[in-house]
Amino acid sequence: NGYSDMAQKMEDLARQQKGFLDFETAREKIGISVSYWETLQDIANWKANTDHLFAQKKGISDWYQSYKVRICRVEREYEFLK
């Protein structure tokens, strides 16, 4: 249905944008994608990117039943790896 190709294209495009820091994704019963940006303006610029707008509209019309956006600040990060 083209979703995987579009998702990869959007990740690749995001990585080229000013202020992009990182991207994480997981797919199981539900999917989650998290992108990290330097500033709120960088987030706004990504949201307004023409290709990203097209992908958002395609997602609403063809792929998603619902979605949620959270804009958060990462204050601290730590992890455990075995």
PDB file of N, CA and C in Angstrom:
ATOM      1  N   ASN A   1       0.807  -1.214   0.000  1.00  0.00           N
ATOM      2  CA  ASN A   1       0.000   0.000   0.000  1.00  0.00           C
ATOM      3  C   ASN A   1       0.848   1.276   0.000  1.00  0.00           C
ATOM      4  N   GLY A   2       2.153   1.126  -0.011  1.00  0.00           N
ATOM      5  CA  GLY A   2       3.036   2.271  -0.129  1.00  0.00           C
ATOM      6  C   GLY A   2       3.460   2.911   1.182  1.00  0.00           C
ATOM      7  N   TYR A   3       2.913   2.448   2.308  1.00  0.00           N
ATOM      8  CA  TYR A   3       3.217   3.088   3.588  1.00  0.00           C
ATOM      9  C   TYR A   3       4.700   3.007   3.941  1.00  0.00           C
ATOM     10  N   SER A   4       5.276   1.824   3.844  1.00  0.00           N
ATOM     11  CA  SER A   4       6.684   1.644   4.229  1.00  0.00           C
ATOM     12  C   SER A   4       7.610   2.520   3.397  1.00  0.00           C
ATOM     13  N   ASP A   5       7.345   2.589   2.100  1.00  0.00           N
ATOM     14  CA  ASP A   5       8.170   3.429   1.227  1.00  0.00           C
ATOM     15  C   ASP A   5       8.057   4.905   1.610  1.00  0.00           C
ATOM     16  N   MET A   6       6.833   5.351   1.887  1.00  0.00           N
ATOM     17  CA  MET A   6       6.629   6.751   2.265  1.00  0.00           C
ATOM     18  C   MET A   6       7.288   7.037   3.612  1.00  0.00           C
ATOM     19  N   ALA A   7       7.157   6.119   4.558  1.00  0.00           N
ATOM     20  CA  ALA A   7       7.770   6.314   5.876  1.00  0.00           C
ATOM     21  C   ALA A   7       9.283   6.448   5.751  1.00  0.00           C
ATOM     22  N   GLN A   8       9.889   5.611   4.924  1.00  0.00           N
ATOM     23  CA  GLN A   8      11.340   5.687   4.739  1.00  0.00           C
ATOM     24  C   GLN A   8      11.734   6.985   4.044  1.00  0.00           C
ATOM     25  N   LYS A   9      10.947   7.381   3.056  1.00  0.00           N
ATOM     26  CA  LYS A   9      11.216   8.639   2.351  1.00  0.00           C
ATOM     27  C   LYS A   9      11.148   9.822   3.320  1.00  0.00           C
ATOM     28  N   MET A  10      10.164   9.814   4.223  1.00  0.00           N
ATOM     29  CA  MET A  10      10.027  10.911   5.182  1.00  0.00           C
ATOM     30  C   MET A  10      11.175  10.921   6.191  1.00  0.00           C
ATOM     31  N   GLU A  11      11.609   9.743   6.631  1.00  0.00           N
ATOM     32  CA  GLU A  11      12.762   9.703   7.533  1.00  0.00           C
ATOM     33  C   GLU A  11      14.003  10.252   6.833  1.00  0.00           C
ATOM     34  N   ASP A  12      14.233   9.813   5.605  1.00  0.00           N
ATOM     35  CA  ASP A  12      15.392  10.300   4.844  1.00  0.00           C
ATOM     36  C   ASP A  12      15.329  11.815   4.660  1.00  0.00           C
ATOM     37  N   LEU A  13      14.144  12.322   4.340  1.00  0.00           N
ATOM     38  CA  LEU A  13      13.961  13.762   4.148  1.00  0.00           C
ATOM     39  C   LEU A  13      14.169  14.520   5.459  1.00  0.00           C
ATOM     40  N   ALA A  14      13.623  14.001   6.544  1.00  0.00           N
ATOM     41  CA  ALA A  14      13.782  14.656   7.850  1.00  0.00           C
ATOM     42  C   ALA A  14      15.256  14.788   8.207  1.00  0.00           C
ATOM     43  N   ARG A  15      16.023  13.751   7.932  1.00  0.00           N
ATOM     44  CA  ARG A  15      17.450  13.754   8.269  1.00  0.00           C
ATOM     45  C   ARG A  15      18.219  14.858   7.527  1.00  0.00           C
ATOM     46  N   GLN A  16      17.663  15.365   6.443  1.00  0.00           N
ATOM     47  CA  GLN A  16      18.317  16.419   5.661  1.00  0.00           C
ATOM     48  C   GLN A  16      17.940  17.827   6.130  1.00  0.00           C
ATOM     49  N   GLN A  17      16.979  17.931   7.047  1.00  0.00           N
ATOM     50  CA  GLN A  17      16.459  19.238   7.442  1.00  0.00           C
ATOM     51  C   GLN A  17      17.318  19.886   8.518  1.00  0.00           C
ATOM     52  N   LYS A  18      17.343  21.208   8.500  1.00  0.00           N
ATOM     53  CA  LYS A  18      18.045  21.981   9.529  1.00  0.00           C
ATOM     54  C   LYS A  18      17.452  21.642  10.895  1.00  0.00           C
ATOM     55  N   GLY A  19      18.313  21.403  11.855  1.00  0.00           N
ATOM     56  CA  GLY A  19      17.875  21.163  13.221  1.00  0.00           C
ATOM     57  C   GLY A  19      17.520  19.730  13.551  1.00  0.00           C
ATOM     58  N   PHE A  20      17.563  18.836  12.552  1.00  0.00           N
ATOM     59  CA  PHE A  20      17.248  17.432  12.817  1.00  0.00           C
ATOM     60  C   PHE A  20      18.315  16.826  13.713  1.00  0.00           C
ATOM     61  N   LEU A  21      17.889  16.046  14.721  1.00  0.00           N
ATOM     62  CA  LEU A  21      18.821  15.392  15.631  1.00  0.00           C
ATOM     63  C   LEU A  21      18.802  13.868  15.512  1.00  0.00           C
ATOM     64  N   ASP A  22      17.606  13.265  15.506  1.00  0.00           N
ATOM     65  CA  ASP A  22      17.528  11.800  15.481  1.00  0.00           C
ATOM     66  C   ASP A  22      16.112  11.366  15.143  1.00  0.00           C
ATOM     67  N   PHE A  23      15.974  10.079  14.845  1.00  0.00           N
ATOM     68  CA  PHE A  23      14.685   9.492  14.495  1.00  0.00           C
ATOM     69  C   PHE A  23      14.642   8.076  15.032  1.00  0.00           C
ATOM     70  N   GLU A  24      13.542   7.718  15.678  1.00  0.00           N
ATOM     71  CA  GLU A  24      13.341   6.359  16.186  1.00  0.00           C
ATOM     72  C   GLU A  24      11.948   5.900  15.786  1.00  0.00           C
ATOM     73  N   THR A  25      11.804   4.607  15.499  1.00  0.00           N
ATOM     74  CA  THR A  25      10.501   4.074  15.129  1.00  0.00           C
ATOM     75  C   THR A  25      10.359   2.646  15.634  1.00  0.00           C
ATOM     76  N   ALA A  26       9.126   2.256  15.912  1.00  0.00           N
ATOM     77  CA  ALA A  26       8.817   0.884  16.316  1.00  0.00           C
ATOM     78  C   ALA A  26       7.453   0.527  15.740  1.00  0.00           C
ATOM     79  N   ARG A  27       7.312  -0.681  15.276  1.00  0.00           N
ATOM     80  CA  ARG A  27       6.046  -1.157  14.718  1.00  0.00           C
ATOM     81  C   ARG A  27       5.701  -2.499  15.345  1.00  0.00           C
ATOM     82  N   GLU A  28       4.541  -2.597  15.921  1.00  0.00           N
ATOM     83  CA  GLU A  28       4.023  -3.845  16.471  1.00  0.00           C
ATOM     84  C   GLU A  28       2.523  -3.783  16.245  1.00  0.00           C
ATOM     85  N   LYS A  29       1.701  -3.869  17.275  1.00  0.00           N
ATOM     86  CA  LYS A  29       0.264  -3.664  17.101  1.00  0.00           C
ATOM     87  C   LYS A  29      -0.024  -2.218  16.712  1.00  0.00           C
ATOM     88  N   ILE A  30       0.701  -1.322  17.354  1.00  0.00           N
ATOM     89  CA  ILE A  30       0.611   0.093  16.996  1.00  0.00           C
ATOM     90  C   ILE A  30       1.989   0.532  16.532  1.00  0.00           C
ATOM     91  N   GLY A  31       2.044   1.617  15.844  1.00  0.00           N
ATOM     92  CA  GLY A  31       3.333   2.138  15.398  1.00  0.00           C
ATOM     93  C   GLY A  31       3.627   3.446  16.101  1.00  0.00           C
ATOM     94  N   ILE A  32       4.900   3.672  16.333  1.00  0.00           N
ATOM     95  CA  ILE A  32       5.316   4.940  16.913  1.00  0.00           C
ATOM     96  C   ILE A  32       6.582   5.403  16.202  1.00  0.00           C
ATOM     97  N   SER A  33       6.597   6.657  15.861  1.00  0.00           N
ATOM     98  CA  SER A  33       7.788   7.285  15.292  1.00  0.00           C
ATOM     99  C   SER A  33       8.073   8.532  16.111  1.00  0.00           C
ATOM    100  N   VAL A  34       9.325   8.703  16.477  1.00  0.00           N
ATOM    101  CA  VAL A  34       9.731   9.858  17.273  1.00  0.00           C
ATOM    102  C   VAL A  34      10.877  10.543  16.544  1.00  0.00           C
ATOM    103  N   SER A  35      10.706  11.820  16.279  1.00  0.00           N
ATOM    104  CA  SER A  35      11.812  12.587  15.706  1.00  0.00           C
ATOM    105  C   SER A  35      12.241  13.632  16.724  1.00  0.00           C
ATOM    106  N   TYR A  36      13.524  13.933  16.715  1.00  0.00           N
ATOM    107  CA  TYR A  36      14.117  14.870  17.662  1.00  0.00           C
ATOM    108  C   TYR A  36      14.692  16.052  16.890  1.00  0.00           C
ATOM    109  N   TRP A  37      14.418  17.252  17.407  1.00  0.00           N
ATOM    110  CA  TRP A  37      14.796  18.488  16.728  1.00  0.00           C
ATOM    111  C   TRP A  37      15.436  19.453  17.710  1.00  0.00           C
ATOM    112  N   GLU A  38      16.263  20.344  17.204  1.00  0.00           N
ATOM    113  CA  GLU A  38      16.955  21.314  18.062  1.00  0.00           C
ATOM    114  C   GLU A  38      16.007  22.347  18.657  1.00  0.00           C
ATOM    115  N   THR A  39      15.086  22.877  17.843  1.00  0.00           N
ATOM    116  CA  THR A  39      14.232  23.975  18.311  1.00  0.00           C
ATOM    117  C   THR A  39      12.781  23.751  17.900  1.00  0.00           C
ATOM    118  N   LEU A  40      11.888  24.491  18.545  1.00  0.00           N
ATOM    119  CA  LEU A  40      10.479  24.456  18.150  1.00  0.00           C
ATOM    120  C   LEU A  40      10.303  24.962  16.723  1.00  0.00           C
ATOM    121  N   GLN A  41      11.109  25.935  16.319  1.00  0.00           N
ATOM    122  CA  GLN A  41      11.029  26.434  14.942  1.00  0.00           C
ATOM    123  C   GLN A  41      11.405  25.346  13.946  1.00  0.00           C
ATOM    124  N   ASP A  42      12.408  24.538  14.270  1.00  0.00           N
ATOM    125  CA  ASP A  42      12.779  23.421  13.393  1.00  0.00           C
ATOM    126  C   ASP A  42      11.622  22.437  13.259  1.00  0.00           C
ATOM    127  N   ILE A  43      10.903  22.194  14.354  1.00  0.00           N
ATOM    128  CA  ILE A  43       9.724  21.318  14.316  1.00  0.00           C
ATOM    129  C   ILE A  43       8.661  21.928  13.406  1.00  0.00           C
ATOM    130  N   ALA A  44       8.409  23.216  13.565  1.00  0.00           N
ATOM    131  CA  ALA A  44       7.410  23.903  12.735  1.00  0.00           C
ATOM    132  C   ALA A  44       7.796  23.855  11.261  1.00  0.00           C
ATOM    133  N   ASN A  45       9.075  24.037  10.975  1.00  0.00           N
ATOM    134  CA  ASN A  45       9.535  23.975   9.583  1.00  0.00           C
ATOM    135  C   ASN A  45       9.318  22.585   9.002  1.00  0.00           C
ATOM    136  N   TRP A  46       9.584  21.547   9.779  1.00  0.00           N
ATOM    137  CA  TRP A  46       9.363  20.177   9.311  1.00  0.00           C
ATOM    138  C   TRP A  46       7.879  19.935   9.071  1.00  0.00           C
ATOM    139  N   LYS A  47       7.041  20.387   9.993  1.00  0.00           N
ATOM    140  CA  LYS A  47       5.593  20.225   9.855  1.00  0.00           C
ATOM    141  C   LYS A  47       5.095  20.880   8.565  1.00  0.00           C
ATOM    142  N   ALA A  48       5.711  21.997   8.176  1.00  0.00           N
ATOM    143  CA  ALA A  48       5.276  22.752   7.000  1.00  0.00           C
ATOM    144  C   ALA A  48       5.968  22.328   5.707  1.00  0.00           C
ATOM    145  N   ASN A  49       6.904  21.383   5.778  1.00  0.00           N
ATOM    146  CA  ASN A  49       7.606  20.919   4.580  1.00  0.00           C
ATOM    147  C   ASN A  49       6.596  20.357   3.577  1.00  0.00           C
ATOM    148  N   THR A  50       6.691  20.770   2.328  1.00  0.00           N
ATOM    149  CA  THR A  50       5.717  20.393   1.301  1.00  0.00           C
ATOM    150  C   THR A  50       5.584  18.880   1.144  1.00  0.00           C
ATOM    151  N   ASP A  51       6.697  18.176   1.061  1.00  0.00           N
ATOM    152  CA  ASP A  51       6.636  16.718   0.917  1.00  0.00           C
ATOM    153  C   ASP A  51       6.059  16.064   2.167  1.00  0.00           C
ATOM    154  N   HIS A  52       6.391  16.607   3.327  1.00  0.00           N
ATOM    155  CA  HIS A  52       5.857  16.074   4.579  1.00  0.00           C
ATOM    156  C   HIS A  52       4.353  16.332   4.669  1.00  0.00           C
ATOM    157  N   LEU A  53       3.902  17.502   4.226  1.00  0.00           N
ATOM    158  CA  LEU A  53       2.465  17.797   4.197  1.00  0.00           C
ATOM    159  C   LEU A  53       1.723  16.799   3.315  1.00  0.00           C
ATOM    160  N   PHE A  54       2.301  16.477   2.154  1.00  0.00           N
ATOM    161  CA  PHE A  54       1.687  15.488   1.267  1.00  0.00           C
ATOM    162  C   PHE A  54       1.580  14.139   1.974  1.00  0.00           C
ATOM    163  N   ALA A  55       2.652  13.722   2.649  1.00  0.00           N
ATOM    164  CA  ALA A  55       2.649  12.441   3.360  1.00  0.00           C
ATOM    165  C   ALA A  55       1.614  12.446   4.484  1.00  0.00           C
ATOM    166  N   GLN A  56       1.478  13.572   5.176  1.00  0.00           N
ATOM    167  CA  GLN A  56       0.479  13.673   6.245  1.00  0.00           C
ATOM    168  C   GLN A  56      -0.933  13.485   5.682  1.00  0.00           C
ATOM    169  N   LYS A  57      -1.220  14.145   4.578  1.00  0.00           N
ATOM    170  CA  LYS A  57      -2.544  14.021   3.958  1.00  0.00           C
ATOM    171  C   LYS A  57      -2.797  12.595   3.485  1.00  0.00           C
ATOM    172  N   LYS A  58      -1.775  11.966   2.913  1.00  0.00           N
ATOM    173  CA  LYS A  58      -1.885  10.574   2.466  1.00  0.00           C
ATOM    174  C   LYS A  58      -2.138   9.660   3.665  1.00  0.00           C
ATOM    175  N   GLY A  59      -1.453   9.921   4.762  1.00  0.00           N
ATOM    176  CA  GLY A  59      -1.660   9.132   5.975  1.00  0.00           C
ATOM    177  C   GLY A  59      -3.091   9.221   6.469  1.00  0.00           C
ATOM    178  N   ILE A  60      -3.643  10.420   6.491  1.00  0.00           N
ATOM    179  CA  ILE A  60      -5.016  10.620   6.952  1.00  0.00           C
ATOM    180  C   ILE A  60      -6.009   9.938   6.021  1.00  0.00           C
ATOM    181  N   SER A  61      -5.791  10.049   4.716  1.00  0.00           N
ATOM    182  CA  SER A  61      -6.759   9.491   3.765  1.00  0.00           C
ATOM    183  C   SER A  61      -6.622   7.982   3.585  1.00  0.00           C
ATOM    184  N   ASP A  62      -5.401   7.446   3.698  1.00  0.00           N
ATOM    185  CA  ASP A  62      -5.183   6.049   3.307  1.00  0.00           C
ATOM    186  C   ASP A  62      -4.735   5.104   4.420  1.00  0.00           C
ATOM    187  N   TRP A  63      -3.982   5.577   5.403  1.00  0.00           N
ATOM    188  CA  TRP A  63      -3.315   4.642   6.308  1.00  0.00           C
ATOM    189  C   TRP A  63      -3.760   4.704   7.758  1.00  0.00           C
ATOM    190  N   TYR A  64      -4.032   5.877   8.277  1.00  0.00           N
ATOM    191  CA  TYR A  64      -4.277   6.016   9.715  1.00  0.00           C
ATOM    192  C   TYR A  64      -5.754   6.091  10.049  1.00  0.00           C
ATOM    193  N   GLN A  65      -6.121   5.432  11.136  1.00  0.00           N
ATOM    194  CA  GLN A  65      -7.451   5.626  11.709  1.00  0.00           C
ATOM    195  C   GLN A  65      -7.412   6.791  12.688  1.00  0.00           C
ATOM    196  N   SER A  66      -6.256   6.985  13.289  1.00  0.00           N
ATOM    197  CA  SER A  66      -6.038   8.112  14.194  1.00  0.00           C
ATOM    198  C   SER A  66      -4.536   8.305  14.355  1.00  0.00           C
ATOM    199  N   TYR A  67      -4.155   9.454  14.874  1.00  0.00           N
ATOM    200  CA  TYR A  67      -2.758   9.672  15.234  1.00  0.00           C
ATOM    201  C   TYR A  67      -2.693  10.754  16.303  1.00  0.00           C
ATOM    202  N   LYS A  68      -1.570  10.814  16.971  1.00  0.00           N
ATOM    203  CA  LYS A  68      -1.362  11.787  18.039  1.00  0.00           C
ATOM    204  C   LYS A  68       0.037  12.364  17.889  1.00  0.00           C
ATOM    205  N   VAL A  69       0.165  13.651  18.122  1.00  0.00           N
ATOM    206  CA  VAL A  69       1.464  14.318  18.092  1.00  0.00           C
ATOM    207  C   VAL A  69       1.738  14.863  19.493  1.00  0.00           C
ATOM    208  N   ARG A  70       2.932  14.591  19.978  1.00  0.00           N
ATOM    209  CA  ARG A  70       3.387  15.167  21.248  1.00  0.00           C
ATOM    210  C   ARG A  70       4.677  15.920  20.978  1.00  0.00           C
ATOM    211  N   ILE A  71       4.759  17.123  21.480  1.00  0.00           N
ATOM    212  CA  ILE A  71       6.003  17.887  21.396  1.00  0.00           C
ATOM    213  C   ILE A  71       6.525  18.003  22.821  1.00  0.00           C
ATOM    214  N   CYS A  72       7.674  17.408  23.042  1.00  0.00           N
ATOM    215  CA  CYS A  72       8.245  17.300  24.386  1.00  0.00           C
ATOM    216  C   CYS A  72       9.713  17.686  24.362  1.00  0.00           C
ATOM    217  N   ARG A  73      10.220  18.033  25.514  1.00  0.00           N
ATOM    218  CA  ARG A  73      11.639  18.332  25.678  1.00  0.00           C
ATOM    219  C   ARG A  73      12.281  17.157  26.413  1.00  0.00           C
ATOM    220  N   VAL A  74      13.381  16.658  25.895  1.00  0.00           N
ATOM    221  CA  VAL A  74      14.126  15.595  26.568  1.00  0.00           C
ATOM    222  C   VAL A  74      15.067  16.268  27.562  1.00  0.00           C
ATOM    223  N   GLU A  75      14.815  16.045  28.832  1.00  0.00           N
ATOM    224  CA  GLU A  75      15.634  16.648  29.884  1.00  0.00           C
ATOM    225  C   GLU A  75      16.814  15.768  30.263  1.00  0.00           C
ATOM    226  N   ARG A  76      16.612  14.460  30.148  1.00  0.00           N
ATOM    227  CA  ARG A  76      17.659  13.524  30.526  1.00  0.00           C
ATOM    228  C   ARG A  76      17.385  12.215  29.801  1.00  0.00           C
ATOM    229  N   GLU A  77      18.464  11.490  29.513  1.00  0.00           N
ATOM    230  CA  GLU A  77      18.315  10.188  28.861  1.00  0.00           C
ATOM    231  C   GLU A  77      19.357   9.238  29.435  1.00  0.00           C
ATOM    232  N   TYR A  78      18.946   8.012  29.661  1.00  0.00           N
ATOM    233  CA  TYR A  78      19.883   6.953  30.032  1.00  0.00           C
ATOM    234  C   TYR A  78      19.311   5.645  29.539  1.00  0.00           C
ATOM    235  N   GLU A  79      20.153   4.637  29.397  1.00  0.00           N
ATOM    236  CA  GLU A  79      19.677   3.361  28.888  1.00  0.00           C
ATOM    237  C   GLU A  79      20.505   2.220  29.441  1.00  0.00           C
ATOM    238  N   PHE A  80      19.968   1.039  29.343  1.00  0.00           N
ATOM    239  CA  PHE A  80      20.644  -0.196  29.707  1.00  0.00           C
ATOM    240  C   PHE A  80      20.699  -1.066  28.466  1.00  0.00           C
ATOM    241  N   LEU A  81      21.856  -1.577  28.138  1.00  0.00           N
ATOM    242  CA  LEU A  81      22.028  -2.499  27.016  1.00  0.00           C
ATOM    243  C   LEU A  81      22.707  -3.755  27.534  1.00  0.00           C
ATOM    244  N   LYS A  82      22.208  -4.901  27.155  1.00  0.00           N
ATOM    245  CA  LYS A  82      22.811  -6.167  27.568  1.00  0.00           C
ATOM    246  C   LYS A  82      23.524  -6.804  26.412  1.00  0.00           C
TER     247      LYS A  82
END
